[in-house]
Amino acid sequence: MDTYDDSMAARFRQQLEQREQQLRALLGNPGEPAEPAGHEVADFKDLATQESQAAIDDVQLENARRELQQVMAALARIAGHTYGVCQQCGEPIDLQRLSALPATPLCIACQTLQEHRRTAAPRR
């Protein structure tokens, strides 16, 4: 398994900073709801479409906020020389995983375990 070392910090920092800029731009310019022009009467289908789009936009913005937090935490780990180490078990995170998900705080084993626990939790 190839793992991260501090000589790769600049590359990952650049990727994370780019993603940070993209997310901040997205969060800084949330889409405004479309208002009907003039005094047009909107039908129920138009209203339902607008409400659905607003709900989708809200979910996308929340996902962007969450991802931005992860990116900022990853940048802090690079600065603190703890990047590339699983925040749960302390083992190195595979370089392929970091390349695909640079903000990930967990190795694949811990991520899988966490997801399994979430799906196995009893629903009320």
N, C-alpha and C. Protein backbone atom coordinates (compact mmCIF):
# COMPACT_ATOMS: atom_id res chain seq x y z
N MET A 1 0.85 -1.18 0.00
CA MET A 1 0.00 0.00 0.00
C MET A 1 0.90 1.25 0.00
N ASP A 2 0.64 2.12 -0.95
CA ASP A 2 1.36 3.39 -0.98
C ASP A 2 0.69 4.33 0.01
N THR A 3 1.51 5.09 0.74
CA THR A 3 0.96 6.00 1.74
C THR A 3 1.51 7.41 1.54
N TYR A 4 0.85 8.34 2.15
CA TYR A 4 1.21 9.75 2.11
C TYR A 4 2.45 10.01 2.93
N ASP A 5 3.29 10.95 2.45
CA ASP A 5 4.36 11.47 3.29
C ASP A 5 4.41 12.98 3.07
N ASP A 6 5.09 13.69 3.97
CA ASP A 6 5.09 15.15 3.96
C ASP A 6 5.62 15.77 2.67
N SER A 7 6.36 15.01 1.87
CA SER A 7 6.86 15.55 0.60
C SER A 7 5.71 15.78 -0.39
N MET A 8 4.55 15.21 -0.11
CA MET A 8 3.37 15.35 -0.97
C MET A 8 2.45 16.47 -0.50
N ALA A 9 2.81 17.13 0.58
CA ALA A 9 1.93 18.12 1.20
C ALA A 9 1.51 19.23 0.25
N ALA A 10 2.44 19.75 -0.53
CA ALA A 10 2.12 20.87 -1.42
C ALA A 10 1.05 20.48 -2.43
N ARG A 11 1.16 19.29 -2.98
CA ARG A 11 0.17 18.81 -3.96
C ARG A 11 -1.22 18.70 -3.35
N PHE A 12 -1.30 18.08 -2.20
CA PHE A 12 -2.61 17.91 -1.56
C PHE A 12 -3.15 19.24 -1.03
N ARG A 13 -2.28 20.08 -0.52
CA ARG A 13 -2.71 21.40 -0.05
C ARG A 13 -3.33 22.19 -1.21
N GLN A 14 -2.68 22.13 -2.37
CA GLN A 14 -3.20 22.86 -3.54
C GLN A 14 -4.57 22.33 -3.95
N GLN A 15 -4.73 21.02 -3.97
CA GLN A 15 -6.03 20.43 -4.32
C GLN A 15 -7.11 20.86 -3.32
N LEU A 16 -6.77 20.81 -2.05
CA LEU A 16 -7.73 21.16 -1.02
C LEU A 16 -8.06 22.66 -1.05
N GLU A 17 -7.07 23.49 -1.29
CA GLU A 17 -7.33 24.93 -1.36
C GLU A 17 -8.20 25.28 -2.57
N GLN A 18 -7.99 24.57 -3.68
CA GLN A 18 -8.83 24.78 -4.85
C GLN A 18 -10.28 24.42 -4.54
N ARG A 19 -10.45 23.28 -3.88
CA ARG A 19 -11.80 22.84 -3.54
C ARG A 19 -12.44 23.81 -2.55
N GLU A 20 -11.64 24.32 -1.62
CA GLU A 20 -12.14 25.31 -0.66
C GLU A 20 -12.68 26.53 -1.40
N GLN A 21 -11.94 27.03 -2.38
CA GLN A 21 -12.38 28.19 -3.16
C GLN A 21 -13.69 27.90 -3.90
N GLN A 22 -13.78 26.71 -4.48
CA GLN A 22 -15.01 26.33 -5.20
C GLN A 22 -16.21 26.30 -4.25
N LEU A 23 -16.01 25.70 -3.10
CA LEU A 23 -17.11 25.58 -2.14
C LEU A 23 -17.51 26.94 -1.58
N ARG A 24 -16.52 27.78 -1.29
CA ARG A 24 -16.84 29.12 -0.77
C ARG A 24 -17.59 29.94 -1.83
N ALA A 25 -17.22 29.78 -3.09
CA ALA A 25 -17.94 30.48 -4.16
C ALA A 25 -19.38 29.99 -4.24
N LEU A 26 -19.55 28.69 -4.13
CA LEU A 26 -20.90 28.12 -4.16
C LEU A 26 -21.74 28.59 -2.98
N LEU A 27 -21.15 28.59 -1.81
CA LEU A 27 -21.88 28.99 -0.60
C LEU A 27 -22.10 30.49 -0.53
N GLY A 28 -21.23 31.25 -1.17
CA GLY A 28 -21.36 32.70 -1.14
C GLY A 28 -22.40 33.22 -2.10
N ASN A 29 -22.81 32.39 -3.06
CA ASN A 29 -23.77 32.80 -4.07
C ASN A 29 -24.90 31.80 -4.20
N PRO A 30 -25.64 31.58 -3.12
CA PRO A 30 -26.74 30.62 -3.24
C PRO A 30 -27.77 31.12 -4.24
N GLY A 31 -28.36 30.19 -4.96
CA GLY A 31 -29.36 30.54 -5.96
C GLY A 31 -30.57 31.21 -5.34
N GLU A 32 -31.03 32.24 -5.97
CA GLU A 32 -32.23 32.94 -5.51
C GLU A 32 -33.45 32.23 -6.09
N PRO A 33 -34.51 32.10 -5.33
CA PRO A 33 -35.70 31.48 -5.88
C PRO A 33 -36.26 32.33 -7.02
N ALA A 34 -36.72 31.65 -8.02
CA ALA A 34 -37.27 32.35 -9.18
C ALA A 34 -38.63 32.94 -8.82
N GLU A 35 -38.79 34.21 -9.08
CA GLU A 35 -40.05 34.90 -8.82
C GLU A 35 -40.79 35.02 -10.14
N PRO A 36 -42.09 34.81 -10.14
CA PRO A 36 -42.83 35.00 -11.38
C PRO A 36 -42.72 36.46 -11.83
N ALA A 37 -42.59 36.66 -13.13
CA ALA A 37 -42.49 38.01 -13.68
C ALA A 37 -43.84 38.70 -13.61
N GLY A 38 -43.83 39.97 -13.23
CA GLY A 38 -45.07 40.75 -13.21
C GLY A 38 -46.09 40.16 -12.26
N HIS A 39 -47.31 40.08 -12.74
CA HIS A 39 -48.41 39.56 -11.93
C HIS A 39 -48.91 38.24 -12.48
N GLU A 40 -48.00 37.45 -13.06
CA GLU A 40 -48.41 36.18 -13.61
C GLU A 40 -48.92 35.26 -12.50
N VAL A 41 -49.86 34.47 -12.84
CA VAL A 41 -50.42 33.51 -11.89
C VAL A 41 -49.67 32.19 -12.07
N ALA A 42 -49.05 31.71 -11.01
CA ALA A 42 -48.33 30.44 -11.07
C ALA A 42 -49.31 29.32 -10.77
N ASP A 43 -49.23 28.26 -11.54
CA ASP A 43 -50.13 27.13 -11.26
C ASP A 43 -49.48 26.21 -10.23
N PHE A 44 -50.22 25.21 -9.79
CA PHE A 44 -49.73 24.30 -8.75
C PHE A 44 -48.49 23.54 -9.21
N LYS A 45 -48.44 23.22 -10.49
CA LYS A 45 -47.28 22.49 -11.00
C LYS A 45 -46.02 23.36 -10.90
N ASP A 46 -46.14 24.64 -11.25
CA ASP A 46 -45.00 25.55 -11.14
C ASP A 46 -44.55 25.70 -9.69
N LEU A 47 -45.52 25.85 -8.79
CA LEU A 47 -45.19 25.99 -7.38
C LEU A 47 -44.51 24.74 -6.83
N ALA A 48 -45.02 23.57 -7.23
CA ALA A 48 -44.43 22.31 -6.78
C ALA A 48 -43.00 22.17 -7.31
N THR A 49 -42.79 22.57 -8.54
CA THR A 49 -41.45 22.52 -9.13
C THR A 49 -40.50 23.45 -8.38
N GLN A 50 -40.96 24.66 -8.09
CA GLN A 50 -40.14 25.61 -7.35
C GLN A 50 -39.81 25.10 -5.95
N GLU A 51 -40.80 24.52 -5.28
CA GLU A 51 -40.56 23.98 -3.93
C GLU A 51 -39.58 22.82 -3.97
N SER A 52 -39.73 21.96 -4.97
CA SER A 52 -38.81 20.83 -5.11
C SER A 52 -37.39 21.31 -5.36
N GLN A 53 -37.25 22.30 -6.24
CA GLN A 53 -35.92 22.83 -6.55
C GLN A 53 -35.31 23.50 -5.32
N ALA A 54 -36.13 24.20 -4.54
CA ALA A 54 -35.64 24.84 -3.32
C ALA A 54 -35.14 23.79 -2.33
N ALA A 55 -35.85 22.68 -2.21
CA ALA A 55 -35.43 21.60 -1.31
C ALA A 55 -34.11 20.99 -1.77
N ILE A 56 -33.98 20.79 -3.08
CA ILE A 56 -32.74 20.25 -3.64
C ILE A 56 -31.59 21.21 -3.38
N ASP A 57 -31.83 22.50 -3.61
CA ASP A 57 -30.80 23.52 -3.38
C ASP A 57 -30.36 23.52 -1.92
N ASP A 58 -31.30 23.40 -1.00
CA ASP A 58 -30.97 23.37 0.43
C ASP A 58 -30.07 22.18 0.76
N VAL A 59 -30.38 21.02 0.22
CA VAL A 59 -29.57 19.82 0.47
C VAL A 59 -28.17 20.00 -0.12
N GLN A 60 -28.10 20.55 -1.33
CA GLN A 60 -26.80 20.77 -1.95
C GLN A 60 -25.95 21.76 -1.15
N LEU A 61 -26.57 22.80 -0.64
CA LEU A 61 -25.83 23.78 0.17
C LEU A 61 -25.35 23.16 1.48
N GLU A 62 -26.19 22.34 2.10
CA GLU A 62 -25.77 21.68 3.34
C GLU A 62 -24.61 20.72 3.07
N ASN A 63 -24.67 20.00 1.97
CA ASN A 63 -23.56 19.11 1.60
C ASN A 63 -22.29 19.91 1.35
N ALA A 64 -22.41 21.07 0.71
CA ALA A 64 -21.25 21.92 0.46
C ALA A 64 -20.67 22.44 1.77
N ARG A 65 -21.53 22.82 2.72
CA ARG A 65 -21.05 23.28 4.04
C ARG A 65 -20.28 22.17 4.75
N ARG A 66 -20.83 20.97 4.71
CA ARG A 66 -20.20 19.82 5.36
C ARG A 66 -18.85 19.51 4.70
N GLU A 67 -18.82 19.54 3.36
CA GLU A 67 -17.58 19.27 2.66
C GLU A 67 -16.53 20.34 2.96
N LEU A 68 -16.97 21.60 3.05
CA LEU A 68 -16.04 22.69 3.37
C LEU A 68 -15.41 22.46 4.74
N GLN A 69 -16.20 22.01 5.70
CA GLN A 69 -15.66 21.71 7.03
C GLN A 69 -14.60 20.60 6.94
N GLN A 70 -14.86 19.59 6.12
CA GLN A 70 -13.91 18.50 5.95
C GLN A 70 -12.63 18.98 5.29
N VAL A 71 -12.77 19.85 4.29
CA VAL A 71 -11.61 20.40 3.60
C VAL A 71 -10.76 21.23 4.56
N MET A 72 -11.42 22.07 5.36
CA MET A 72 -10.69 22.90 6.32
C MET A 72 -9.97 22.02 7.36
N ALA A 73 -10.62 20.97 7.79
CA ALA A 73 -9.99 20.05 8.75
C ALA A 73 -8.79 19.35 8.12
N ALA A 74 -8.89 18.98 6.85
CA ALA A 74 -7.78 18.33 6.16
C ALA A 74 -6.60 19.30 6.01
N LEU A 75 -6.89 20.56 5.70
CA LEU A 75 -5.82 21.56 5.62
C LEU A 75 -5.13 21.74 6.98
N ALA A 76 -5.91 21.69 8.04
CA ALA A 76 -5.33 21.79 9.39
C ALA A 76 -4.46 20.57 9.69
N ARG A 77 -4.88 19.39 9.22
CA ARG A 77 -4.07 18.19 9.43
C ARG A 77 -2.75 18.28 8.66
N ILE A 78 -2.80 18.86 7.44
CA ILE A 78 -1.55 19.04 6.69
C ILE A 78 -0.62 19.96 7.48
N ALA A 79 -1.15 21.08 7.96
CA ALA A 79 -0.34 22.03 8.73
C ALA A 79 0.21 21.39 10.01
N GLY A 80 -0.56 20.50 10.60
CA GLY A 80 -0.13 19.84 11.84
C GLY A 80 0.62 18.55 11.63
N HIS A 81 0.91 18.22 10.38
CA HIS A 81 1.67 17.02 10.03
C HIS A 81 0.97 15.73 10.49
N THR A 82 -0.37 15.73 10.48
CA THR A 82 -1.12 14.52 10.81
C THR A 82 -1.97 14.07 9.63
N TYR A 83 -1.82 14.74 8.49
CA TYR A 83 -2.57 14.38 7.30
C TYR A 83 -2.14 13.01 6.80
N GLY A 84 -3.09 12.25 6.30
CA GLY A 84 -2.78 10.93 5.76
C GLY A 84 -2.83 9.83 6.80
N VAL A 85 -3.21 10.20 8.02
CA VAL A 85 -3.33 9.23 9.11
C VAL A 85 -4.81 9.17 9.50
N CYS A 86 -5.35 7.97 9.60
CA CYS A 86 -6.76 7.80 9.97
C CYS A 86 -7.03 8.41 11.34
N GLN A 87 -8.04 9.23 11.40
CA GLN A 87 -8.39 9.91 12.65
C GLN A 87 -9.05 8.98 13.66
N GLN A 88 -9.39 7.77 13.21
CA GLN A 88 -10.03 6.83 14.13
C GLN A 88 -9.04 5.78 14.65
N CYS A 89 -8.31 5.15 13.74
CA CYS A 89 -7.43 4.05 14.18
C CYS A 89 -5.95 4.43 14.21
N GLY A 90 -5.58 5.55 13.58
CA GLY A 90 -4.20 5.98 13.59
C GLY A 90 -3.32 5.34 12.53
N GLU A 91 -3.90 4.49 11.69
CA GLU A 91 -3.13 3.84 10.62
C GLU A 91 -3.06 4.77 9.41
N PRO A 92 -2.04 4.58 8.56
CA PRO A 92 -1.94 5.40 7.34
C PRO A 92 -3.13 5.15 6.41
N ILE A 93 -3.58 6.21 5.74
CA ILE A 93 -4.65 6.10 4.75
C ILE A 93 -3.99 5.83 3.41
N ASP A 94 -4.51 4.87 2.67
CA ASP A 94 -3.97 4.50 1.37
C ASP A 94 -3.92 5.73 0.45
N LEU A 95 -2.83 5.88 -0.27
CA LEU A 95 -2.62 7.03 -1.14
C LEU A 95 -3.69 7.12 -2.23
N GLN A 96 -4.15 6.00 -2.73
CA GLN A 96 -5.22 6.01 -3.74
C GLN A 96 -6.49 6.63 -3.16
N ARG A 97 -6.80 6.31 -1.93
CA ARG A 97 -7.99 6.87 -1.28
C ARG A 97 -7.82 8.38 -1.11
N LEU A 98 -6.65 8.82 -0.65
CA LEU A 98 -6.40 10.25 -0.49
C LEU A 98 -6.45 10.98 -1.83
N SER A 99 -5.97 10.34 -2.88
CA SER A 99 -6.02 10.97 -4.20
C SER A 99 -7.45 11.15 -4.67
N ALA A 100 -8.30 10.18 -4.37
CA ALA A 100 -9.71 10.27 -4.77
C ALA A 100 -10.52 11.19 -3.86
N LEU A 101 -10.22 11.16 -2.57
CA LEU A 101 -10.95 11.94 -1.57
C LEU A 101 -9.94 12.66 -0.66
N PRO A 102 -9.36 13.74 -1.12
CA PRO A 102 -8.28 14.38 -0.35
C PRO A 102 -8.68 14.85 1.05
N ALA A 103 -9.95 15.09 1.29
CA ALA A 103 -10.38 15.57 2.61
C ALA A 103 -10.76 14.45 3.57
N THR A 104 -10.66 13.21 3.13
CA THR A 104 -11.11 12.11 3.97
C THR A 104 -10.29 12.00 5.26
N PRO A 105 -10.97 11.85 6.40
CA PRO A 105 -10.25 11.70 7.66
C PRO A 105 -10.05 10.23 8.06
N LEU A 106 -10.65 9.30 7.31
CA LEU A 106 -10.66 7.90 7.71
C LEU A 106 -10.08 6.98 6.65
N CYS A 107 -9.44 5.91 7.10
CA CYS A 107 -9.00 4.86 6.18
C CYS A 107 -10.25 4.10 5.70
N ILE A 108 -10.08 3.29 4.70
CA ILE A 108 -11.23 2.59 4.12
C ILE A 108 -11.86 1.62 5.13
N ALA A 109 -11.05 0.98 5.96
CA ALA A 109 -11.59 0.04 6.93
C ALA A 109 -12.47 0.75 7.96
N CYS A 110 -12.00 1.87 8.48
CA CYS A 110 -12.78 2.62 9.47
C CYS A 110 -14.01 3.26 8.84
N GLN A 111 -13.90 3.74 7.60
CA GLN A 111 -15.05 4.31 6.90
C GLN A 111 -16.11 3.25 6.69
N THR A 112 -15.68 2.06 6.28
CA THR A 112 -16.62 0.95 6.05
C THR A 112 -17.31 0.57 7.36
N LEU A 113 -16.54 0.48 8.43
CA LEU A 113 -17.11 0.15 9.74
C LEU A 113 -18.12 1.21 10.17
N GLN A 114 -17.78 2.49 9.98
CA GLN A 114 -18.68 3.57 10.35
C GLN A 114 -19.99 3.50 9.55
N GLU A 115 -19.87 3.26 8.25
CA GLU A 115 -21.08 3.16 7.41
C GLU A 115 -21.91 1.95 7.80
N HIS A 116 -21.25 0.85 8.12
CA HIS A 116 -21.97 -0.36 8.53
C HIS A 116 -22.75 -0.10 9.82
N ARG A 117 -22.12 0.59 10.77
CA ARG A 117 -22.81 0.91 12.02
C ARG A 117 -24.03 1.79 11.78
N ARG A 118 -23.88 2.76 10.85
CA ARG A 118 -24.99 3.66 10.54
C ARG A 118 -26.17 2.90 9.94
N THR A 119 -25.89 1.96 9.02
CA THR A 119 -26.97 1.25 8.36
C THR A 119 -27.54 0.14 9.24
N ALA A 120 -26.74 -0.35 10.19
CA ALA A 120 -27.20 -1.42 11.07
C ALA A 120 -27.95 -0.90 12.29
N ALA A 121 -27.88 0.40 12.53
CA ALA A 121 -28.57 0.98 13.71
C ALA A 121 -30.07 0.78 13.58
N PRO A 122 -30.70 0.40 14.69
CA PRO A 122 -32.16 0.21 14.64
C PRO A 122 -32.87 1.52 14.32
N ARG A 123 -33.87 1.38 13.46
CA ARG A 123 -34.67 2.57 13.08
C ARG A 123 -35.90 2.65 13.93
N ARG A 124 -36.26 3.86 14.28
CA ARG A 124 -37.43 4.05 15.13
C ARG A 124 -38.58 4.60 14.34
